[in-house]
PDB file of all heavy atoms in Angstrom:
ATOM      1  N   ALA A   1    -193.083 111.289  72.169  1.00  0.00           N
ATOM      2  CA  ALA A   1    -191.975 110.406  72.537  1.00  0.00           C
ATOM      3  C   ALA A   1    -192.322 109.578  73.773  1.00  0.00           C
ATOM      4  O   ALA A   1    -192.027 108.374  73.843  1.00  0.00           O
ATOM      5  CB  ALA A   1    -190.705 111.224  72.777  1.00  0.00           C
ATOM      6  N   ILE A   2    -192.967 110.202  74.760  1.00  0.00           N
ATOM      7  CA  ILE A   2    -193.340 109.477  75.982  1.00  0.00           C
ATOM      8  C   ILE A   2    -194.424 108.442  75.689  1.00  0.00           C
ATOM      9  O   ILE A   2    -194.337 107.283  76.120  1.00  0.00           O
ATOM     10  CB  ILE A   2    -193.806 110.469  77.069  1.00  0.00           C
ATOM     11  CG1 ILE A   2    -192.632 111.330  77.537  1.00  0.00           C
ATOM     12  CG2 ILE A   2    -194.407 109.709  78.265  1.00  0.00           C
ATOM     13  CD1 ILE A   2    -193.022 112.440  78.500  1.00  0.00           C
ATOM     14  N   LEU A   3    -195.456 108.845  74.967  1.00  0.00           N
ATOM     15  CA  LEU A   3    -196.585 107.950  74.709  1.00  0.00           C
ATOM     16  C   LEU A   3    -196.173 106.749  73.857  1.00  0.00           C
ATOM     17  O   LEU A   3    -196.752 105.660  74.001  1.00  0.00           O
ATOM     18  CB  LEU A   3    -197.721 108.713  74.022  1.00  0.00           C
ATOM     19  CG  LEU A   3    -198.413 109.795  74.867  1.00  0.00           C
ATOM     20  CD1 LEU A   3    -199.511 110.474  74.073  1.00  0.00           C
ATOM     21  CD2 LEU A   3    -198.983 109.202  76.158  1.00  0.00           C
ATOM     22  N   TYR A   4    -195.191 106.929  72.982  1.00  0.00           N
ATOM     23  CA  TYR A   4    -194.735 105.826  72.135  1.00  0.00           C
ATOM     24  C   TYR A   4    -193.524 105.102  72.713  1.00  0.00           C
ATOM     25  O   TYR A   4    -192.899 104.287  72.038  1.00  0.00           O
ATOM     26  CB  TYR A   4    -194.416 106.345  70.725  1.00  0.00           C
ATOM     27  CG  TYR A   4    -195.657 106.597  69.897  1.00  0.00           C
ATOM     28  CD1 TYR A   4    -196.233 107.861  69.849  1.00  0.00           C
ATOM     29  CD2 TYR A   4    -196.269 105.565  69.184  1.00  0.00           C
ATOM     30  CE1 TYR A   4    -197.382 108.092  69.105  1.00  0.00           C
ATOM     31  CE2 TYR A   4    -197.408 105.787  68.430  1.00  0.00           C
ATOM     32  CZ  TYR A   4    -197.965 107.055  68.403  1.00  0.00           C
ATOM     33  OH  TYR A   4    -199.099 107.284  67.660  1.00  0.00           O
ATOM     34  N   GLY A   5    -193.186 105.405  73.964  1.00  0.00           N
ATOM     35  CA  GLY A   5    -192.119 104.676  74.644  1.00  0.00           C
ATOM     36  C   GLY A   5    -190.723 105.020  74.188  1.00  0.00           C
ATOM     37  O   GLY A   5    -189.780 104.275  74.467  1.00  0.00           O
ATOM     38  N   LYS A   6    -190.550 106.148  73.532  1.00  0.00           N
ATOM     39  CA  LYS A   6    -189.215 106.585  73.090  1.00  0.00           C
ATOM     40  C   LYS A   6    -188.594 107.435  74.202  1.00  0.00           C
ATOM     41  O   LYS A   6    -188.444 108.647  74.094  1.00  0.00           O
ATOM     42  CB  LYS A   6    -189.318 107.382  71.790  1.00  0.00           C
ATOM     43  CG  LYS A   6    -190.066 106.679  70.671  1.00  0.00           C
ATOM     44  CD  LYS A   6    -189.346 105.412  70.232  1.00  0.00           C
ATOM     45  CE  LYS A   6    -190.066 104.737  69.060  1.00  0.00           C
ATOM     46  NZ  LYS A   6    -189.407 103.481  68.631  1.00  0.00           N
ATOM     47  N   PHE A   7    -188.223 106.752  75.282  1.00  0.00           N
ATOM     48  CA  PHE A   7    -187.781 107.486  76.466  1.00  0.00           C
ATOM     49  C   PHE A   7    -186.419 108.154  76.274  1.00  0.00           C
ATOM     50  O   PHE A   7    -186.136 109.160  76.935  1.00  0.00           O
ATOM     51  CB  PHE A   7    -187.752 106.553  77.673  1.00  0.00           C
ATOM     52  CG  PHE A   7    -189.118 106.071  78.073  1.00  0.00           C
ATOM     53  CD1 PHE A   7    -189.462 104.729  77.964  1.00  0.00           C
ATOM     54  CD2 PHE A   7    -190.070 106.952  78.545  1.00  0.00           C
ATOM     55  CE1 PHE A   7    -190.725 104.284  78.321  1.00  0.00           C
ATOM     56  CE2 PHE A   7    -191.340 106.518  78.914  1.00  0.00           C
ATOM     57  CZ  PHE A   7    -191.666 105.182  78.795  1.00  0.00           C
ATOM     58  N   HIS A   8    -185.575 107.595  75.380  1.00  0.00           N
ATOM     59  CA  HIS A   8    -184.302 108.260  75.073  1.00  0.00           C
ATOM     60  C   HIS A   8    -184.561 109.644  74.491  1.00  0.00           C
ATOM     61  O   HIS A   8    -184.009 110.653  74.945  1.00  0.00           O
ATOM     62  CB  HIS A   8    -183.481 107.423  74.085  1.00  0.00           C
ATOM     63  CG  HIS A   8    -182.683 106.335  74.732  1.00  0.00           C
ATOM     64  ND1 HIS A   8    -183.149 105.047  74.843  1.00  0.00           N
ATOM     65  CD2 HIS A   8    -181.446 106.354  75.321  1.00  0.00           C
ATOM     66  CE1 HIS A   8    -182.243 104.303  75.456  1.00  0.00           C
ATOM     67  NE2 HIS A   8    -181.202 105.075  75.761  1.00  0.00           N
ATOM     68  N   ALA A   9    -185.405 109.681  73.472  1.00  0.00           N
ATOM     69  CA  ALA A   9    -185.717 110.956  72.821  1.00  0.00           C
ATOM     70  C   ALA A   9    -186.405 111.911  73.792  1.00  0.00           C
ATOM     71  O   ALA A   9    -186.089 113.109  73.832  1.00  0.00           O
ATOM     72  CB  ALA A   9    -186.592 110.703  71.598  1.00  0.00           C
ATOM     73  N   ALA A  10    -187.336 111.379  74.580  1.00  0.00           N
ATOM     74  CA  ALA A  10    -188.053 112.227  75.538  1.00  0.00           C
ATOM     75  C   ALA A  10    -187.094 112.827  76.558  1.00  0.00           C
ATOM     76  O   ALA A  10    -187.209 114.009  76.915  1.00  0.00           O
ATOM     77  CB  ALA A  10    -189.147 111.417  76.239  1.00  0.00           C
ATOM     78  N   PHE A  11    -186.135 112.013  77.029  1.00  0.00           N
ATOM     79  CA  PHE A  11    -185.177 112.490  78.021  1.00  0.00           C
ATOM     80  C   PHE A  11    -184.359 113.653  77.465  1.00  0.00           C
ATOM     81  O   PHE A  11    -184.215 114.697  78.128  1.00  0.00           O
ATOM     82  CB  PHE A  11    -184.250 111.355  78.460  1.00  0.00           C
ATOM     83  CG  PHE A  11    -183.173 111.792  79.422  1.00  0.00           C
ATOM     84  CD1 PHE A  11    -183.443 111.893  80.782  1.00  0.00           C
ATOM     85  CD2 PHE A  11    -181.901 112.108  78.969  1.00  0.00           C
ATOM     86  CE1 PHE A  11    -182.463 112.302  81.673  1.00  0.00           C
ATOM     87  CE2 PHE A  11    -180.909 112.518  79.854  1.00  0.00           C
ATOM     88  CZ  PHE A  11    -181.191 112.612  81.213  1.00  0.00           C
ATOM     89  N   TYR A  12    -183.828 113.497  76.278  1.00  0.00           N
ATOM     90  CA  TYR A  12    -182.981 114.545  75.702  1.00  0.00           C
ATOM     91  C   TYR A  12    -183.792 115.800  75.377  1.00  0.00           C
ATOM     92  O   TYR A  12    -183.294 116.924  75.524  1.00  0.00           O
ATOM     93  CB  TYR A  12    -182.270 114.031  74.456  1.00  0.00           C
ATOM     94  CG  TYR A  12    -181.217 112.988  74.758  1.00  0.00           C
ATOM     95  CD1 TYR A  12    -181.280 111.715  74.210  1.00  0.00           C
ATOM     96  CD2 TYR A  12    -180.159 113.280  75.636  1.00  0.00           C
ATOM     97  CE1 TYR A  12    -180.327 110.753  74.512  1.00  0.00           C
ATOM     98  CE2 TYR A  12    -179.199 112.322  75.935  1.00  0.00           C
ATOM     99  CZ  TYR A  12    -179.286 111.064  75.372  1.00  0.00           C
ATOM    100  OH  TYR A  12    -178.343 110.115  75.675  1.00  0.00           O
ATOM    101  N   LEU A  13    -185.030 115.627  74.945  1.00  0.00           N
ATOM    102  CA  LEU A  13    -185.874 116.787  74.655  1.00  0.00           C
ATOM    103  C   LEU A  13    -186.205 117.570  75.928  1.00  0.00           C
ATOM    104  O   LEU A  13    -186.139 118.809  75.941  1.00  0.00           O
ATOM    105  CB  LEU A  13    -187.170 116.330  73.965  1.00  0.00           C
ATOM    106  CG  LEU A  13    -187.042 115.889  72.509  1.00  0.00           C
ATOM    107  CD1 LEU A  13    -188.352 115.291  72.018  1.00  0.00           C
ATOM    108  CD2 LEU A  13    -186.630 117.061  71.623  1.00  0.00           C
ATOM    109  N   VAL A  14    -186.553 116.851  76.998  1.00  0.00           N
ATOM    110  CA  VAL A  14    -186.858 117.523  78.264  1.00  0.00           C
ATOM    111  C   VAL A  14    -185.606 118.177  78.839  1.00  0.00           C
ATOM    112  O   VAL A  14    -185.658 119.293  79.374  1.00  0.00           O
ATOM    113  CB  VAL A  14    -187.465 116.532  79.276  1.00  0.00           C
ATOM    114  CG1 VAL A  14    -187.638 117.192  80.645  1.00  0.00           C
ATOM    115  CG2 VAL A  14    -188.803 116.023  78.779  1.00  0.00           C
ATOM    116  N   PHE A  15    -184.482 117.504  78.708  1.00  0.00           N
ATOM    117  CA  PHE A  15    -183.212 118.072  79.200  1.00  0.00           C
ATOM    118  C   PHE A  15    -182.879 119.352  78.437  1.00  0.00           C
ATOM    119  O   PHE A  15    -182.487 120.364  79.042  1.00  0.00           O
ATOM    120  CB  PHE A  15    -182.091 117.050  79.036  1.00  0.00           C
ATOM    121  CG  PHE A  15    -180.779 117.500  79.613  1.00  0.00           C
ATOM    122  CD1 PHE A  15    -180.562 117.442  80.984  1.00  0.00           C
ATOM    123  CD2 PHE A  15    -179.765 117.989  78.802  1.00  0.00           C
ATOM    124  CE1 PHE A  15    -179.356 117.866  81.536  1.00  0.00           C
ATOM    125  CE2 PHE A  15    -178.563 118.415  79.340  1.00  0.00           C
ATOM    126  CZ  PHE A  15    -178.356 118.349  80.712  1.00  0.00           C
ATOM    127  N   ALA A  16    -183.040 119.326  77.120  1.00  0.00           N
ATOM    128  CA  ALA A  16    -182.776 120.523  76.311  1.00  0.00           C
ATOM    129  C   ALA A  16    -183.751 121.639  76.670  1.00  0.00           C
ATOM    130  O   ALA A  16    -183.365 122.813  76.767  1.00  0.00           O
ATOM    131  CB  ALA A  16    -182.886 120.184  74.826  1.00  0.00           C
ATOM    132  N   ALA A  17    -185.017 121.285  76.889  1.00  0.00           N
ATOM    133  CA  ALA A  17    -186.015 122.295  77.261  1.00  0.00           C
ATOM    134  C   ALA A  17    -185.681 122.903  78.617  1.00  0.00           C
ATOM    135  O   ALA A  17    -185.864 124.104  78.834  1.00  0.00           O
ATOM    136  CB  ALA A  17    -187.403 121.669  77.286  1.00  0.00           C
ATOM    137  N   GLY A  18    -185.196 122.077  79.549  1.00  0.00           N
ATOM    138  CA  GLY A  18    -184.795 122.589  80.858  1.00  0.00           C
ATOM    139  C   GLY A  18    -183.630 123.566  80.759  1.00  0.00           C
ATOM    140  O   GLY A  18    -183.584 124.565  81.490  1.00  0.00           O
ATOM    141  N   LEU A  19    -182.696 123.297  79.829  1.00  0.00           N
ATOM    142  CA  LEU A  19    -181.577 124.218  79.628  1.00  0.00           C
ATOM    143  C   LEU A  19    -182.058 125.557  79.075  1.00  0.00           C
ATOM    144  O   LEU A  19    -181.578 126.619  79.491  1.00  0.00           O
ATOM    145  CB  LEU A  19    -180.546 123.603  78.676  1.00  0.00           C
ATOM    146  CG  LEU A  19    -179.722 122.429  79.216  1.00  0.00           C
ATOM    147  CD1 LEU A  19    -178.771 121.920  78.138  1.00  0.00           C
ATOM    148  CD2 LEU A  19    -178.938 122.838  80.463  1.00  0.00           C
ATOM    149  N   THR A  20    -183.004 125.516  78.147  1.00  0.00           N
ATOM    150  CA  THR A  20    -183.514 126.764  77.573  1.00  0.00           C
ATOM    151  C   THR A  20    -184.215 127.616  78.622  1.00  0.00           C
ATOM    152  O   THR A  20    -184.270 128.835  78.485  1.00  0.00           O
ATOM    153  CB  THR A  20    -184.493 126.487  76.417  1.00  0.00           C
ATOM    154  OG1 THR A  20    -185.665 125.816  76.919  1.00  0.00           O
ATOM    155  CG2 THR A  20    -183.851 125.630  75.347  1.00  0.00           C
ATOM    156  N   ASP A  21    -184.737 126.971  79.673  1.00  0.00           N
ATOM    157  CA  ASP A  21    -185.416 127.717  80.728  1.00  0.00           C
ATOM    158  C   ASP A  21    -184.449 128.645  81.449  1.00  0.00           C
ATOM    159  O   ASP A  21    -184.839 129.729  81.903  1.00  0.00           O
ATOM    160  CB  ASP A  21    -186.064 126.746  81.719  1.00  0.00           C
ATOM    161  CG  ASP A  21    -186.974 127.466  82.707  1.00  0.00           C
ATOM    162  OD1 ASP A  21    -187.448 128.566  82.370  1.00  0.00           O
ATOM    163  OD2 ASP A  21    -187.205 126.933  83.798  1.00  0.00           O
ATOM    164  N   GLY A  22    -183.198 128.221  81.561  1.00  0.00           N
ATOM    165  CA  GLY A  22    -182.203 129.088  82.173  1.00  0.00           C
ATOM    166  C   GLY A  22    -181.544 130.029  81.183  1.00  0.00           C
ATOM    167  O   GLY A  22    -181.208 131.170  81.519  1.00  0.00           O
ATOM    168  N   ILE A  23    -181.408 129.563  79.928  1.00  0.00           N
ATOM    169  CA  ILE A  23    -180.724 130.369  78.923  1.00  0.00           C
ATOM    170  C   ILE A  23    -181.535 131.607  78.553  1.00  0.00           C
ATOM    171  O   ILE A  23    -180.977 132.696  78.391  1.00  0.00           O
ATOM    172  CB  ILE A  23    -180.440 129.507  77.669  1.00  0.00           C
ATOM    173  CG1 ILE A  23    -179.405 128.433  78.007  1.00  0.00           C
ATOM    174  CG2 ILE A  23    -179.942 130.371  76.520  1.00  0.00           C
ATOM    175  CD1 ILE A  23    -179.161 127.442  76.887  1.00  0.00           C
ATOM    176  N   ASP A  24    -182.857 131.459  78.399  1.00  0.00           N
ATOM    177  CA  ASP A  24    -183.646 132.613  77.964  1.00  0.00           C
ATOM    178  C   ASP A  24    -183.621 133.742  78.988  1.00  0.00           C
ATOM    179  O   ASP A  24    -183.516 134.919  78.637  1.00  0.00           O
ATOM    180  CB  ASP A  24    -185.089 132.204  77.627  1.00  0.00           C
ATOM    181  CG  ASP A  24    -185.801 131.543  78.799  1.00  0.00           C
ATOM    182  OD1 ASP A  24    -185.226 131.469  79.901  1.00  0.00           O
ATOM    183  OD2 ASP A  24    -186.939 131.086  78.611  1.00  0.00           O
ATOM    184  N   GLY A  25    -183.673 133.391  80.273  1.00  0.00           N
ATOM    185  CA  GLY A  25    -183.596 134.427  81.303  1.00  0.00           C
ATOM    186  C   GLY A  25    -182.227 135.092  81.339  1.00  0.00           C
ATOM    187  O   GLY A  25    -182.118 136.315  81.519  1.00  0.00           O
ATOM    188  N   LEU A  26    -181.166 134.283  81.159  1.00  0.00           N
ATOM    189  CA  LEU A  26    -179.806 134.829  81.159  1.00  0.00           C
ATOM    190  C   LEU A  26    -179.601 135.780  79.983  1.00  0.00           C
ATOM    191  O   LEU A  26    -179.046 136.872  80.139  1.00  0.00           O
ATOM    192  CB  LEU A  26    -178.798 133.682  81.098  1.00  0.00           C
ATOM    193  CG  LEU A  26    -177.319 134.076  81.086  1.00  0.00           C
ATOM    194  CD1 LEU A  26    -176.955 134.789  82.387  1.00  0.00           C
ATOM    195  CD2 LEU A  26    -176.441 132.840  80.896  1.00  0.00           C
ATOM    196  N   LEU A  27    -180.085 135.372  78.803  1.00  0.00           N
ATOM    197  CA  LEU A  27    -179.943 136.230  77.624  1.00  0.00           C
ATOM    198  C   LEU A  27    -180.742 137.525  77.777  1.00  0.00           C
ATOM    199  O   LEU A  27    -180.294 138.592  77.358  1.00  0.00           O
ATOM    200  CB  LEU A  27    -180.407 135.481  76.370  1.00  0.00           C
ATOM    201  CG  LEU A  27    -179.464 134.406  75.823  1.00  0.00           C
ATOM    202  CD1 LEU A  27    -180.105 133.697  74.645  1.00  0.00           C
ATOM    203  CD2 LEU A  27    -178.135 135.039  75.398  1.00  0.00           C
ATOM    204  N   ALA A  28    -181.930 137.412  78.367  1.00  0.00           N
ATOM    205  CA  ALA A  28    -182.755 138.607  78.548  1.00  0.00           C
ATOM    206  C   ALA A  28    -182.036 139.643  79.404  1.00  0.00           C
ATOM    207  O   ALA A  28    -182.095 140.845  79.129  1.00  0.00           O
ATOM    208  CB  ALA A  28    -184.091 138.222  79.176  1.00  0.00           C
ATOM    209  N   ARG A  29    -181.340 139.175  80.447  1.00  0.00           N
ATOM    210  CA  ARG A  29    -180.607 140.105  81.313  1.00  0.00           C
ATOM    211  C   ARG A  29    -179.346 140.631  80.641  1.00  0.00           C
ATOM    212  O   ARG A  29    -179.041 141.818  80.735  1.00  0.00           O
ATOM    213  CB  ARG A  29    -180.264 139.422  82.644  1.00  0.00           C
ATOM    214  CG  ARG A  29    -181.479 139.159  83.530  1.00  0.00           C
ATOM    215  CD  ARG A  29    -181.064 138.648  84.895  1.00  0.00           C
ATOM    216  NE  ARG A  29    -180.442 137.332  84.822  1.00  0.00           N
ATOM    217  CZ  ARG A  29    -181.101 136.182  84.888  1.00  0.00           C
ATOM    218  NH1 ARG A  29    -182.424 136.193  85.026  1.00  0.00           N
ATOM    219  NH2 ARG A  29    -180.480 135.035  84.819  1.00  0.00           N
ATOM    220  N   LYS A  30    -178.613 139.755  79.966  1.00  0.00           N
ATOM    221  CA  LYS A  30    -177.352 140.152  79.342  1.00  0.00           C
ATOM    222  C   LYS A  30    -177.565 141.091  78.162  1.00  0.00           C
ATOM    223  O   LYS A  30    -176.793 142.034  77.946  1.00  0.00           O
ATOM    224  CB  LYS A  30    -176.572 138.908  78.883  1.00  0.00           C
ATOM    225  CG  LYS A  30    -176.059 138.032  80.011  1.00  0.00           C
ATOM    226  CD  LYS A  30    -174.970 138.723  80.805  1.00  0.00           C
ATOM    227  CE  LYS A  30    -174.379 137.792  81.866  1.00  0.00           C
ATOM    228  NZ  LYS A  30    -173.318 138.486  82.666  1.00  0.00           N
ATOM    229  N   LEU A  31    -178.606 140.835  77.371  1.00  0.00           N
ATOM    230  CA  LEU A  31    -178.862 141.625  76.162  1.00  0.00           C
ATOM    231  C   LEU A  31    -179.835 142.775  76.400  1.00  0.00           C
ATOM    232  O   LEU A  31    -180.179 143.490  75.464  1.00  0.00           O
ATOM    233  CB  LEU A  31    -179.405 140.716  75.050  1.00  0.00           C
ATOM    234  CG  LEU A  31    -178.514 139.544  74.636  1.00  0.00           C
ATOM    235  CD1 LEU A  31    -179.196 138.708  73.561  1.00  0.00           C
ATOM    236  CD2 LEU A  31    -177.161 140.063  74.125  1.00  0.00           C
ATOM    237  N   GLY A  32    -180.273 142.942  77.630  1.00  0.00           N
ATOM    238  CA  GLY A  32    -181.232 143.993  77.913  1.00  0.00           C
ATOM    239  C   GLY A  32    -182.563 143.764  77.222  1.00  0.00           C
ATOM    240  O   GLY A  32    -183.211 144.721  76.775  1.00  0.00           O
TER     241      GLY A  32
END
């Protein structure tokens, strides 16, 4: 997406990936 200039798609993908960075740790603690 970045190399082909699709910055809208790249932005949303990076934003979603950033959210998963917090979600996976939270789930690991909550679910043991």
